[in-house]
Amino acid sequence: MTIDFDLDTDVDEYGPEISMTDEAIARLMHLMQSAGDPPVAGIRLQVARRSKDGIEHLLTMVDAGREPEDDFELDFDGLALYVDSDHADYLDGLAVHWAYKGEGVNGFEFENPNPRWRDPLAERIQVLFDEQVNPAIAAHGGAVDLLGVEDKVAFIRMGGGCQGCGMANVTLREGIEGMIKETAPEIEEIMDATDHASGRNPYYQPSPGHSHG
């Protein structure tokens, strides 16, 4: 399920302003060259989720021939960085660093000057998720992410133990939906973008980051 949100941003047609250290570029190039077949065309940068710690970032490899058509493509000394256009406004000004922290440890760090949400309504729902919803379902291995708010509709994604769970729709309808509407009565509909039929989380390399400001 693809959700397109209207951007309220100063990002121009050339894409967001993103900086990467030489170490980060070198590390990503090394990962691409070590990937084997199929060949890797570049790296995709996305907003993974929001949490109480701020914006979390996601870096994934893009196979040649599967380059995202709607993404902004930035070049870093021959490294193609595909930036998710749906969230480009929340990636503008991002600085990406990498430092060795030990074998098998993710050394990528992100400095993001953007708030996790600019919309006060979305921020209100995010606080609800952080302080009440996710702590309550964490014991079952579940988590719920807010993807965005558009036209009085809250788009969410259920992950962890909630994904593929036969009770997920019941949990959403009887529990989370009521909590959202009590906290944010302006919301008229909650849309669940989770693919419950798959029951599996897609492969990705999580890259938590920090939001400042």
N, C-alpha and C. Protein backbone atom coordinates (compact mmCIF):
# COMPACT_ATOMS: atom_id res chain seq x y z
N MET A 1 0.85 -1.19 0.00
CA MET A 1 0.00 0.00 0.00
C MET A 1 0.88 1.24 0.00
N THR A 2 0.71 2.10 -0.96
CA THR A 2 1.49 3.33 -1.05
C THR A 2 0.63 4.51 -0.65
N ILE A 3 1.17 5.34 0.23
CA ILE A 3 0.44 6.51 0.71
C ILE A 3 1.21 7.74 0.31
N ASP A 4 0.59 8.65 -0.39
CA ASP A 4 1.23 9.90 -0.79
C ASP A 4 0.71 11.03 0.06
N PHE A 5 1.63 11.72 0.72
CA PHE A 5 1.26 12.86 1.54
C PHE A 5 1.70 14.14 0.85
N ASP A 6 0.89 15.16 0.97
CA ASP A 6 1.27 16.47 0.43
C ASP A 6 2.42 17.03 1.25
N LEU A 7 3.45 17.51 0.56
CA LEU A 7 4.62 18.04 1.24
C LEU A 7 4.44 19.52 1.55
N ASP A 8 4.68 19.87 2.80
CA ASP A 8 4.71 21.28 3.20
C ASP A 8 6.17 21.60 3.48
N THR A 9 6.92 21.93 2.44
CA THR A 9 8.36 21.99 2.53
C THR A 9 8.94 22.95 1.53
N ASP A 10 10.19 23.32 1.79
CA ASP A 10 10.92 24.18 0.87
C ASP A 10 11.83 23.37 -0.05
N VAL A 11 11.73 22.04 -0.02
CA VAL A 11 12.56 21.19 -0.87
C VAL A 11 12.25 21.51 -2.33
N ASP A 12 13.29 21.79 -3.12
CA ASP A 12 13.05 22.15 -4.51
C ASP A 12 13.13 20.93 -5.41
N GLU A 13 13.11 21.17 -6.71
CA GLU A 13 13.05 20.08 -7.67
C GLU A 13 14.30 19.22 -7.67
N TYR A 14 15.38 19.72 -7.08
CA TYR A 14 16.63 18.98 -7.06
C TYR A 14 16.75 18.07 -5.84
N GLY A 15 15.80 18.19 -4.93
CA GLY A 15 15.81 17.31 -3.77
C GLY A 15 16.29 17.99 -2.51
N PRO A 16 16.24 17.28 -1.40
CA PRO A 16 16.64 17.85 -0.11
C PRO A 16 18.16 18.03 -0.02
N GLU A 17 18.57 18.92 0.86
CA GLU A 17 20.00 19.12 1.12
C GLU A 17 20.45 18.07 2.14
N ILE A 18 21.32 17.19 1.72
CA ILE A 18 21.83 16.13 2.58
C ILE A 18 23.35 16.11 2.49
N SER A 19 24.01 15.94 3.62
CA SER A 19 25.46 15.85 3.63
C SER A 19 25.89 14.49 4.16
N MET A 20 27.02 13.99 3.65
CA MET A 20 27.55 12.70 4.09
C MET A 20 29.07 12.85 4.26
N THR A 21 29.59 12.30 5.34
CA THR A 21 31.04 12.35 5.53
C THR A 21 31.71 11.36 4.58
N ASP A 22 33.00 11.57 4.36
CA ASP A 22 33.76 10.66 3.50
C ASP A 22 33.70 9.23 4.03
N GLU A 23 33.72 9.09 5.35
CA GLU A 23 33.67 7.76 5.97
C GLU A 23 32.34 7.07 5.68
N ALA A 24 31.25 7.84 5.71
CA ALA A 24 29.93 7.26 5.44
C ALA A 24 29.84 6.83 3.98
N ILE A 25 30.33 7.66 3.08
CA ILE A 25 30.31 7.30 1.66
C ILE A 25 31.13 6.05 1.41
N ALA A 26 32.33 5.99 1.98
CA ALA A 26 33.20 4.84 1.79
C ALA A 26 32.57 3.56 2.33
N ARG A 27 31.90 3.67 3.48
CA ARG A 27 31.28 2.49 4.06
C ARG A 27 30.13 1.98 3.20
N LEU A 28 29.32 2.88 2.70
CA LEU A 28 28.21 2.48 1.85
C LEU A 28 28.70 1.88 0.53
N MET A 29 29.76 2.45 -0.03
CA MET A 29 30.34 1.90 -1.25
C MET A 29 30.86 0.48 -0.99
N HIS A 30 31.48 0.29 0.16
CA HIS A 30 31.99 -1.04 0.51
C HIS A 30 30.86 -2.05 0.64
N LEU A 31 29.76 -1.65 1.29
CA LEU A 31 28.62 -2.54 1.44
C LEU A 31 28.02 -2.91 0.09
N MET A 32 27.95 -1.93 -0.81
CA MET A 32 27.41 -2.19 -2.15
C MET A 32 28.28 -3.17 -2.91
N GLN A 33 29.60 -2.96 -2.84
CA GLN A 33 30.52 -3.80 -3.59
C GLN A 33 30.60 -5.22 -3.03
N SER A 34 30.22 -5.37 -1.76
CA SER A 34 30.27 -6.68 -1.12
C SER A 34 28.96 -7.45 -1.25
N ALA A 35 27.97 -6.82 -1.87
CA ALA A 35 26.63 -7.42 -1.90
C ALA A 35 26.51 -8.59 -2.86
N GLY A 36 27.37 -8.65 -3.88
CA GLY A 36 27.27 -9.73 -4.85
C GLY A 36 26.14 -9.50 -5.84
N ASP A 37 25.56 -10.59 -6.37
CA ASP A 37 24.48 -10.49 -7.35
C ASP A 37 23.12 -10.48 -6.65
N PRO A 38 22.16 -9.75 -7.20
CA PRO A 38 22.28 -8.85 -8.35
C PRO A 38 23.07 -7.59 -7.98
N PRO A 39 23.64 -6.91 -8.99
CA PRO A 39 24.41 -5.70 -8.69
C PRO A 39 23.55 -4.63 -8.04
N VAL A 40 24.18 -3.82 -7.20
CA VAL A 40 23.48 -2.78 -6.46
C VAL A 40 23.66 -1.45 -7.16
N ALA A 41 22.55 -0.75 -7.42
CA ALA A 41 22.61 0.53 -8.13
C ALA A 41 22.90 1.69 -7.19
N GLY A 42 22.51 1.56 -5.92
CA GLY A 42 22.70 2.65 -4.98
C GLY A 42 22.08 2.33 -3.64
N ILE A 43 21.94 3.35 -2.84
CA ILE A 43 21.39 3.23 -1.50
C ILE A 43 20.14 4.10 -1.39
N ARG A 44 19.09 3.56 -0.75
CA ARG A 44 17.88 4.34 -0.55
C ARG A 44 17.79 4.83 0.89
N LEU A 45 17.45 6.09 1.04
CA LEU A 45 17.30 6.72 2.35
C LEU A 45 15.83 7.03 2.59
N GLN A 46 15.30 6.57 3.72
CA GLN A 46 13.90 6.80 4.07
C GLN A 46 13.77 7.16 5.54
N VAL A 47 12.61 7.70 5.88
CA VAL A 47 12.21 7.79 7.28
C VAL A 47 11.61 6.45 7.65
N ALA A 48 12.23 5.78 8.62
CA ALA A 48 11.73 4.45 9.01
C ALA A 48 10.50 4.57 9.89
N ARG A 49 10.58 5.43 10.90
CA ARG A 49 9.48 5.59 11.84
C ARG A 49 9.81 6.76 12.74
N ARG A 50 8.83 7.14 13.54
CA ARG A 50 9.04 8.11 14.60
C ARG A 50 8.86 7.41 15.94
N SER A 51 9.65 7.83 16.91
CA SER A 51 9.53 7.27 18.25
C SER A 51 9.78 8.39 19.24
N LYS A 52 9.77 8.05 20.52
CA LYS A 52 10.03 9.06 21.54
C LYS A 52 11.42 9.66 21.42
N ASP A 53 12.31 8.95 20.72
CA ASP A 53 13.67 9.45 20.51
C ASP A 53 13.78 10.35 19.28
N GLY A 54 12.72 10.47 18.50
CA GLY A 54 12.74 11.32 17.32
C GLY A 54 12.55 10.54 16.04
N ILE A 55 13.11 11.05 14.95
CA ILE A 55 13.03 10.39 13.65
C ILE A 55 14.06 9.28 13.57
N GLU A 56 13.65 8.11 13.11
CA GLU A 56 14.58 7.02 12.85
C GLU A 56 14.70 6.83 11.35
N HIS A 57 15.92 6.55 10.90
CA HIS A 57 16.22 6.53 9.48
C HIS A 57 16.51 5.12 8.99
N LEU A 58 16.28 4.92 7.72
CA LEU A 58 16.41 3.60 7.11
C LEU A 58 17.28 3.69 5.86
N LEU A 59 18.31 2.86 5.80
CA LEU A 59 19.17 2.75 4.62
C LEU A 59 19.02 1.34 4.06
N THR A 60 18.70 1.23 2.77
CA THR A 60 18.58 -0.07 2.13
C THR A 60 19.28 -0.04 0.78
N MET A 61 19.72 -1.20 0.35
CA MET A 61 20.36 -1.31 -0.96
C MET A 61 19.30 -1.38 -2.05
N VAL A 62 19.59 -0.75 -3.19
CA VAL A 62 18.68 -0.74 -4.33
C VAL A 62 19.30 -1.56 -5.45
N ASP A 63 18.63 -2.64 -5.83
CA ASP A 63 19.14 -3.49 -6.92
C ASP A 63 19.07 -2.76 -8.25
N ALA A 64 20.04 -3.00 -9.11
CA ALA A 64 20.04 -2.41 -10.44
C ALA A 64 18.79 -2.85 -11.19
N GLY A 65 18.12 -1.90 -11.82
CA GLY A 65 16.89 -2.17 -12.53
C GLY A 65 15.65 -1.99 -11.69
N ARG A 66 15.85 -1.71 -10.39
CA ARG A 66 14.70 -1.51 -9.49
C ARG A 66 14.80 -0.16 -8.79
N GLU A 67 15.42 0.79 -9.46
CA GLU A 67 15.56 2.12 -8.90
C GLU A 67 14.19 2.78 -8.75
N PRO A 68 13.89 3.37 -7.59
CA PRO A 68 12.58 4.01 -7.37
C PRO A 68 12.42 5.23 -8.28
N GLU A 69 11.40 5.22 -9.11
CA GLU A 69 11.24 6.27 -10.12
C GLU A 69 10.91 7.63 -9.51
N ASP A 70 10.20 7.65 -8.40
CA ASP A 70 9.74 8.92 -7.84
C ASP A 70 10.71 9.51 -6.82
N ASP A 71 11.78 8.78 -6.52
CA ASP A 71 12.73 9.28 -5.53
C ASP A 71 13.61 10.39 -6.11
N PHE A 72 14.13 11.23 -5.22
CA PHE A 72 15.20 12.15 -5.61
C PHE A 72 16.50 11.36 -5.66
N GLU A 73 17.28 11.54 -6.72
CA GLU A 73 18.56 10.86 -6.83
C GLU A 73 19.69 11.87 -6.63
N LEU A 74 20.48 11.65 -5.60
CA LEU A 74 21.61 12.52 -5.30
C LEU A 74 22.90 11.74 -5.53
N ASP A 75 23.94 12.45 -5.94
CA ASP A 75 25.23 11.80 -6.20
C ASP A 75 26.27 12.25 -5.18
N PHE A 76 26.93 11.26 -4.57
CA PHE A 76 28.00 11.53 -3.62
C PHE A 76 29.26 10.81 -4.09
N ASP A 77 30.05 11.51 -4.90
CA ASP A 77 31.31 10.95 -5.41
C ASP A 77 31.10 9.59 -6.05
N GLY A 78 30.03 9.47 -6.84
CA GLY A 78 29.76 8.22 -7.53
C GLY A 78 28.79 7.31 -6.81
N LEU A 79 28.44 7.64 -5.59
CA LEU A 79 27.44 6.89 -4.84
C LEU A 79 26.06 7.48 -5.12
N ALA A 80 25.16 6.67 -5.66
CA ALA A 80 23.79 7.13 -5.92
C ALA A 80 22.96 6.95 -4.66
N LEU A 81 22.42 8.06 -4.17
CA LEU A 81 21.55 8.04 -3.00
C LEU A 81 20.14 8.37 -3.44
N TYR A 82 19.23 7.42 -3.25
CA TYR A 82 17.83 7.61 -3.61
C TYR A 82 17.07 8.03 -2.36
N VAL A 83 16.48 9.22 -2.40
CA VAL A 83 15.81 9.78 -1.23
C VAL A 83 14.30 9.71 -1.44
N ASP A 84 13.63 9.07 -0.50
CA ASP A 84 12.18 8.91 -0.56
C ASP A 84 11.51 10.27 -0.66
N SER A 85 10.83 10.52 -1.78
CA SER A 85 10.24 11.84 -2.01
C SER A 85 9.06 12.11 -1.09
N ASP A 86 8.40 11.06 -0.58
CA ASP A 86 7.24 11.26 0.30
C ASP A 86 7.62 11.94 1.60
N HIS A 87 8.88 11.76 2.03
CA HIS A 87 9.31 12.32 3.31
C HIS A 87 10.55 13.20 3.14
N ALA A 88 10.73 13.74 1.94
CA ALA A 88 11.92 14.54 1.68
C ALA A 88 12.01 15.76 2.59
N ASP A 89 10.85 16.30 2.97
CA ASP A 89 10.85 17.48 3.84
C ASP A 89 11.40 17.18 5.22
N TYR A 90 11.28 15.92 5.65
CA TYR A 90 11.81 15.54 6.96
C TYR A 90 13.25 15.04 6.88
N LEU A 91 13.82 15.03 5.68
CA LEU A 91 15.21 14.63 5.49
C LEU A 91 16.08 15.80 5.04
N ASP A 92 15.45 16.95 4.80
CA ASP A 92 16.20 18.13 4.37
C ASP A 92 17.10 18.62 5.51
N GLY A 93 18.38 18.77 5.21
CA GLY A 93 19.33 19.21 6.22
C GLY A 93 19.99 18.07 6.98
N LEU A 94 19.68 16.82 6.63
CA LEU A 94 20.23 15.66 7.32
C LEU A 94 21.73 15.53 7.07
N ALA A 95 22.47 15.19 8.11
CA ALA A 95 23.90 14.89 8.00
C ALA A 95 24.12 13.43 8.41
N VAL A 96 24.81 12.66 7.55
CA VAL A 96 25.04 11.24 7.79
C VAL A 96 26.52 11.02 8.10
N HIS A 97 26.78 10.35 9.21
CA HIS A 97 28.15 10.05 9.64
C HIS A 97 28.30 8.54 9.79
N TRP A 98 29.55 8.10 9.76
CA TRP A 98 29.84 6.69 10.09
C TRP A 98 31.16 6.64 10.83
N ALA A 99 31.18 5.84 11.89
CA ALA A 99 32.40 5.62 12.65
C ALA A 99 32.43 4.17 13.11
N TYR A 100 33.60 3.56 13.07
CA TYR A 100 33.74 2.16 13.48
C TYR A 100 33.47 2.01 14.97
N LYS A 101 32.56 1.11 15.32
CA LYS A 101 32.18 0.91 16.72
C LYS A 101 32.34 -0.54 17.15
N GLY A 102 33.02 -1.30 16.33
CA GLY A 102 33.21 -2.70 16.65
C GLY A 102 32.62 -3.60 15.57
N GLU A 103 33.09 -4.82 15.51
CA GLU A 103 32.66 -5.77 14.49
C GLU A 103 31.16 -6.04 14.61
N GLY A 104 30.48 -5.89 13.48
CA GLY A 104 29.05 -6.18 13.45
C GLY A 104 28.16 -5.12 14.05
N VAL A 105 28.74 -3.97 14.44
CA VAL A 105 27.95 -2.90 15.03
C VAL A 105 27.64 -1.84 13.98
N ASN A 106 26.38 -1.41 13.91
CA ASN A 106 25.99 -0.37 12.96
C ASN A 106 26.61 0.95 13.38
N GLY A 107 27.50 1.46 12.55
CA GLY A 107 28.21 2.69 12.90
C GLY A 107 27.62 3.95 12.31
N PHE A 108 26.47 3.86 11.64
CA PHE A 108 25.87 5.04 11.03
C PHE A 108 25.15 5.89 12.08
N GLU A 109 25.35 7.18 11.99
CA GLU A 109 24.69 8.13 12.86
C GLU A 109 24.08 9.23 12.00
N PHE A 110 22.96 9.79 12.49
CA PHE A 110 22.23 10.78 11.72
C PHE A 110 21.96 12.01 12.59
N GLU A 111 22.22 13.16 12.03
CA GLU A 111 21.86 14.41 12.67
C GLU A 111 20.79 15.07 11.83
N ASN A 112 19.58 15.09 12.37
CA ASN A 112 18.44 15.58 11.62
C ASN A 112 17.87 16.81 12.33
N PRO A 113 17.87 17.97 11.68
CA PRO A 113 17.40 19.19 12.33
C PRO A 113 15.88 19.33 12.35
N ASN A 114 15.18 18.39 11.73
CA ASN A 114 13.72 18.51 11.60
C ASN A 114 13.00 17.94 12.82
N PRO A 115 11.83 18.52 13.15
CA PRO A 115 11.00 17.91 14.20
C PRO A 115 10.43 16.60 13.67
N ARG A 116 10.01 15.74 14.57
CA ARG A 116 9.49 14.46 14.08
C ARG A 116 8.16 14.64 13.37
N TRP A 117 7.36 15.63 13.76
CA TRP A 117 6.15 15.99 13.04
C TRP A 117 6.00 17.51 13.07
N ARG A 118 5.61 18.09 11.95
CA ARG A 118 5.29 19.52 11.91
C ARG A 118 3.81 19.77 12.20
N ASP A 119 2.99 18.78 11.95
CA ASP A 119 1.56 18.87 12.17
C ASP A 119 1.26 18.62 13.64
N PRO A 120 0.70 19.60 14.36
CA PRO A 120 0.40 19.40 15.80
C PRO A 120 -0.53 18.21 16.05
N LEU A 121 -1.44 17.94 15.12
CA LEU A 121 -2.35 16.81 15.29
C LEU A 121 -1.58 15.50 15.23
N ALA A 122 -0.67 15.38 14.27
CA ALA A 122 0.15 14.17 14.17
C ALA A 122 1.02 14.01 15.41
N GLU A 123 1.57 15.11 15.90
CA GLU A 123 2.41 15.05 17.09
C GLU A 123 1.60 14.59 18.31
N ARG A 124 0.35 15.03 18.41
CA ARG A 124 -0.51 14.61 19.51
C ARG A 124 -0.75 13.10 19.48
N ILE A 125 -0.98 12.57 18.29
CA ILE A 125 -1.19 11.13 18.16
C ILE A 125 0.11 10.38 18.44
N GLN A 126 1.24 10.93 18.00
CA GLN A 126 2.53 10.31 18.25
C GLN A 126 2.79 10.18 19.75
N VAL A 127 2.48 11.21 20.51
CA VAL A 127 2.65 11.17 21.96
C VAL A 127 1.79 10.06 22.56
N LEU A 128 0.57 9.92 22.05
CA LEU A 128 -0.31 8.85 22.51
C LEU A 128 0.34 7.49 22.26
N PHE A 129 0.89 7.29 21.07
CA PHE A 129 1.54 6.02 20.75
C PHE A 129 2.73 5.77 21.66
N ASP A 130 3.55 6.82 21.86
CA ASP A 130 4.77 6.67 22.66
C ASP A 130 4.47 6.36 24.12
N GLU A 131 3.47 7.05 24.66
CA GLU A 131 3.25 6.99 26.11
C GLU A 131 2.22 5.95 26.54
N GLN A 132 1.30 5.58 25.64
CA GLN A 132 0.24 4.66 26.06
C GLN A 132 0.12 3.42 25.18
N VAL A 133 0.00 3.59 23.87
CA VAL A 133 -0.29 2.46 22.99
C VAL A 133 0.87 1.46 22.94
N ASN A 134 2.04 1.93 22.55
CA ASN A 134 3.16 0.99 22.38
C ASN A 134 3.63 0.36 23.68
N PRO A 135 3.69 1.09 24.80
CA PRO A 135 4.03 0.39 26.05
C PRO A 135 3.03 -0.71 26.39
N ALA A 136 1.76 -0.51 26.04
CA ALA A 136 0.73 -1.49 26.39
C ALA A 136 0.85 -2.77 25.57
N ILE A 137 1.26 -2.64 24.30
CA ILE A 137 1.33 -3.83 23.44
C ILE A 137 2.75 -4.38 23.30
N ALA A 138 3.72 -3.72 23.93
CA ALA A 138 5.10 -4.17 23.83
C ALA A 138 5.29 -5.56 24.43
N ALA A 139 4.51 -5.87 25.47
CA ALA A 139 4.63 -7.17 26.12
C ALA A 139 4.28 -8.31 25.16
N HIS A 140 3.52 -8.02 24.14
CA HIS A 140 3.14 -9.01 23.13
C HIS A 140 4.03 -8.93 21.89
N GLY A 141 5.08 -8.13 21.97
CA GLY A 141 6.00 -8.00 20.85
C GLY A 141 5.47 -7.14 19.73
N GLY A 142 4.44 -6.35 20.00
CA GLY A 142 3.84 -5.53 18.96
C GLY A 142 4.27 -4.08 19.03
N ALA A 143 3.99 -3.35 17.97
CA ALA A 143 4.27 -1.92 17.91
C ALA A 143 3.39 -1.31 16.84
N VAL A 144 3.03 -0.05 17.04
CA VAL A 144 2.22 0.67 16.07
C VAL A 144 2.93 1.97 15.72
N ASP A 145 3.09 2.23 14.44
CA ASP A 145 3.73 3.46 13.97
C ASP A 145 2.71 4.35 13.29
N LEU A 146 2.84 5.65 13.51
CA LEU A 146 2.04 6.62 12.78
C LEU A 146 2.78 6.99 11.50
N LEU A 147 2.14 6.79 10.36
CA LEU A 147 2.75 7.11 9.07
C LEU A 147 2.47 8.54 8.63
N GLY A 148 1.36 9.10 9.11
CA GLY A 148 1.02 10.46 8.74
C GLY A 148 -0.46 10.72 8.92
N VAL A 149 -0.82 11.98 8.81
CA VAL A 149 -2.22 12.40 8.89
C VAL A 149 -2.53 13.22 7.66
N GLU A 150 -3.62 12.88 6.99
CA GLU A 150 -4.01 13.57 5.77
C GLU A 150 -5.52 13.63 5.69
N ASP A 151 -6.07 14.83 5.57
CA ASP A 151 -7.51 15.00 5.39
C ASP A 151 -8.32 14.27 6.47
N LYS A 152 -7.93 14.47 7.74
CA LYS A 152 -8.63 13.90 8.90
C LYS A 152 -8.57 12.38 8.95
N VAL A 153 -7.60 11.81 8.22
CA VAL A 153 -7.37 10.37 8.24
C VAL A 153 -5.98 10.11 8.82
N ALA A 154 -5.91 9.23 9.82
CA ALA A 154 -4.62 8.84 10.40
C ALA A 154 -4.19 7.52 9.77
N PHE A 155 -3.01 7.49 9.17
CA PHE A 155 -2.48 6.28 8.57
C PHE A 155 -1.49 5.66 9.55
N ILE A 156 -1.70 4.40 9.86
CA ILE A 156 -0.84 3.72 10.81
C ILE A 156 -0.30 2.43 10.22
N ARG A 157 0.74 1.88 10.87
CA ARG A 157 1.30 0.59 10.47
C ARG A 157 1.54 -0.21 11.74
N MET A 158 1.03 -1.44 11.75
CA MET A 158 1.21 -2.32 12.89
C MET A 158 2.34 -3.30 12.58
N GLY A 159 3.29 -3.39 13.50
CA GLY A 159 4.45 -4.23 13.25
C GLY A 159 4.71 -5.18 14.40
N GLY A 160 5.82 -5.91 14.28
CA GLY A 160 6.19 -6.86 15.32
C GLY A 160 5.14 -7.94 15.46
N GLY A 161 4.71 -8.21 16.69
CA GLY A 161 3.73 -9.26 16.94
C GLY A 161 2.36 -8.97 16.38
N CYS A 162 2.10 -7.70 16.03
CA CYS A 162 0.78 -7.35 15.47
C CYS A 162 0.66 -7.77 14.01
N GLN A 163 1.80 -7.80 13.30
CA GLN A 163 1.74 -8.09 11.86
C GLN A 163 1.51 -9.58 11.65
N GLY A 164 0.51 -9.90 10.84
CA GLY A 164 0.18 -11.29 10.58
C GLY A 164 -0.66 -11.93 11.68
N CYS A 165 -1.02 -11.13 12.67
CA CYS A 165 -1.81 -11.64 13.78
C CYS A 165 -3.29 -11.57 13.44
N GLY A 166 -4.02 -12.66 13.66
CA GLY A 166 -5.43 -12.69 13.33
C GLY A 166 -6.26 -11.75 14.19
N MET A 167 -5.70 -11.36 15.34
CA MET A 167 -6.43 -10.46 16.23
C MET A 167 -6.08 -9.00 15.97
N ALA A 168 -5.21 -8.74 15.01
CA ALA A 168 -4.73 -7.37 14.79
C ALA A 168 -5.87 -6.42 14.45
N ASN A 169 -6.77 -6.85 13.57
CA ASN A 169 -7.87 -5.97 13.19
C ASN A 169 -8.80 -5.69 14.37
N VAL A 170 -8.99 -6.69 15.22
CA VAL A 170 -9.82 -6.51 16.40
C VAL A 170 -9.16 -5.53 17.35
N THR A 171 -7.84 -5.71 17.54
CA THR A 171 -7.09 -4.81 18.41
C THR A 171 -7.19 -3.38 17.92
N LEU A 172 -7.05 -3.21 16.61
CA LEU A 172 -7.12 -1.88 16.02
C LEU A 172 -8.50 -1.27 16.24
N ARG A 173 -9.54 -2.03 15.91
CA ARG A 173 -10.90 -1.49 15.94
C ARG A 173 -11.36 -1.18 17.36
N GLU A 174 -11.09 -2.10 18.28
CA GLU A 174 -11.65 -1.96 19.62
C GLU A 174 -10.75 -1.18 20.58
N GLY A 175 -9.47 -1.14 20.29
CA GLY A 175 -8.55 -0.51 21.22
C GLY A 175 -7.92 0.77 20.70
N ILE A 176 -7.04 0.62 19.74
CA ILE A 176 -6.25 1.74 19.27
C ILE A 176 -7.12 2.82 18.63
N GLU A 177 -8.11 2.42 17.84
CA GLU A 177 -8.96 3.39 17.17
C GLU A 177 -9.68 4.27 18.19
N GLY A 178 -10.19 3.66 19.25
CA GLY A 178 -10.87 4.43 20.27
C GLY A 178 -9.95 5.40 20.98
N MET A 179 -8.72 4.97 21.23
CA MET A 179 -7.75 5.83 21.91
C MET A 179 -7.38 7.02 21.03
N ILE A 180 -7.21 6.77 19.72
CA ILE A 180 -6.86 7.86 18.81
C ILE A 180 -7.99 8.90 18.77
N LYS A 181 -9.23 8.42 18.63
CA LYS A 181 -10.35 9.36 18.50
C LYS A 181 -10.63 10.10 19.80
N GLU A 182 -10.29 9.49 20.93
CA GLU A 182 -10.45 10.19 22.19
C GLU A 182 -9.41 11.30 22.33
N THR A 183 -8.18 10.99 21.89
CA THR A 183 -7.09 11.97 21.97
C THR A 183 -7.21 13.04 20.90
N ALA A 184 -7.64 12.62 19.69
CA ALA A 184 -7.74 13.53 18.56
C ALA A 184 -9.10 13.37 17.89
N PRO A 185 -10.14 13.99 18.47
CA PRO A 185 -11.49 13.84 17.91
C PRO A 185 -11.63 14.37 16.49
N GLU A 186 -10.64 15.14 16.03
CA GLU A 186 -10.69 15.63 14.65
C GLU A 186 -10.53 14.49 13.64
N ILE A 187 -9.92 13.39 14.07
CA ILE A 187 -9.69 12.26 13.18
C ILE A 187 -11.00 11.53 12.91
N GLU A 188 -11.31 11.36 11.64
CA GLU A 188 -12.56 10.72 11.25
C GLU A 188 -12.37 9.26 10.84
N GLU A 189 -11.15 8.89 10.47
CA GLU A 189 -10.91 7.53 10.00
C GLU A 189 -9.47 7.13 10.29
N ILE A 190 -9.26 5.87 10.62
CA ILE A 190 -7.92 5.31 10.81
C ILE A 190 -7.71 4.26 9.74
N MET A 191 -6.66 4.41 8.96
CA MET A 191 -6.33 3.46 7.90
C MET A 191 -5.10 2.67 8.31
N ASP A 192 -5.22 1.34 8.26
CA ASP A 192 -4.11 0.47 8.61
C ASP A 192 -3.40 0.06 7.33
N ALA A 193 -2.14 0.48 7.19
CA ALA A 193 -1.37 0.20 5.98
C ALA A 193 -0.57 -1.08 6.10
N THR A 194 -0.75 -1.83 7.18
CA THR A 194 0.01 -3.06 7.38
C THR A 194 -0.45 -4.15 6.42
N ASP A 195 0.52 -4.91 5.91
CA ASP A 195 0.19 -6.08 5.10
C ASP A 195 0.08 -7.28 6.03
N HIS A 196 -1.11 -7.48 6.62
CA HIS A 196 -1.28 -8.57 7.56
C HIS A 196 -1.22 -9.93 6.86
N ALA A 197 -1.47 -9.95 5.56
CA ALA A 197 -1.47 -11.23 4.86
C ALA A 197 -0.07 -11.82 4.79
N SER A 198 0.95 -10.97 4.79
CA SER A 198 2.31 -11.47 4.63
C SER A 198 2.82 -12.11 5.92
N GLY A 199 2.50 -11.50 7.05
CA GLY A 199 2.96 -12.04 8.32
C GLY A 199 4.46 -11.95 8.50
N ARG A 200 5.14 -11.22 7.64
CA ARG A 200 6.60 -11.11 7.73
C ARG A 200 7.00 -9.66 7.58
N ASN A 201 8.03 -9.28 8.30
CA ASN A 201 8.57 -7.94 8.13
C ASN A 201 9.51 -7.95 6.94
N PRO A 202 9.45 -6.94 6.09
CA PRO A 202 10.36 -6.89 4.95
C PRO A 202 11.80 -6.72 5.42
N TYR A 203 12.73 -7.18 4.60
CA TYR A 203 14.15 -7.04 4.95
C TYR A 203 14.55 -5.58 4.92
N TYR A 204 15.21 -5.15 5.94
CA TYR A 204 15.78 -3.80 5.91
C TYR A 204 16.91 -3.71 6.93
N GLN A 205 17.72 -2.70 6.78
CA GLN A 205 18.80 -2.43 7.70
C GLN A 205 18.39 -1.24 8.55
N PRO A 206 17.99 -1.47 9.82
CA PRO A 206 17.55 -0.34 10.63
C PRO A 206 18.68 0.60 10.95
N SER A 207 18.38 1.89 10.90
CA SER A 207 19.39 2.90 11.15
C SER A 207 18.79 3.99 12.02
N PRO A 208 18.76 3.79 13.34
CA PRO A 208 18.16 4.81 14.20
C PRO A 208 18.96 6.10 14.16
N GLY A 209 18.23 7.20 14.25
CA GLY A 209 18.89 8.49 14.22
C GLY A 209 18.31 9.40 15.28
N HIS A 210 18.68 10.64 15.26
CA HIS A 210 18.24 11.57 16.28
C HIS A 210 17.65 12.80 15.61
N SER A 211 16.64 13.34 16.25
CA SER A 211 16.01 14.55 15.75
C SER A 211 16.30 15.68 16.73
N HIS A 212 16.70 16.81 16.19
CA HIS A 212 17.01 17.97 17.04
C HIS A 212 16.16 19.14 16.57
N GLY A 213 15.66 19.87 17.53
CA GLY A 213 14.91 21.08 17.16
C GLY A 213 13.43 20.85 17.12
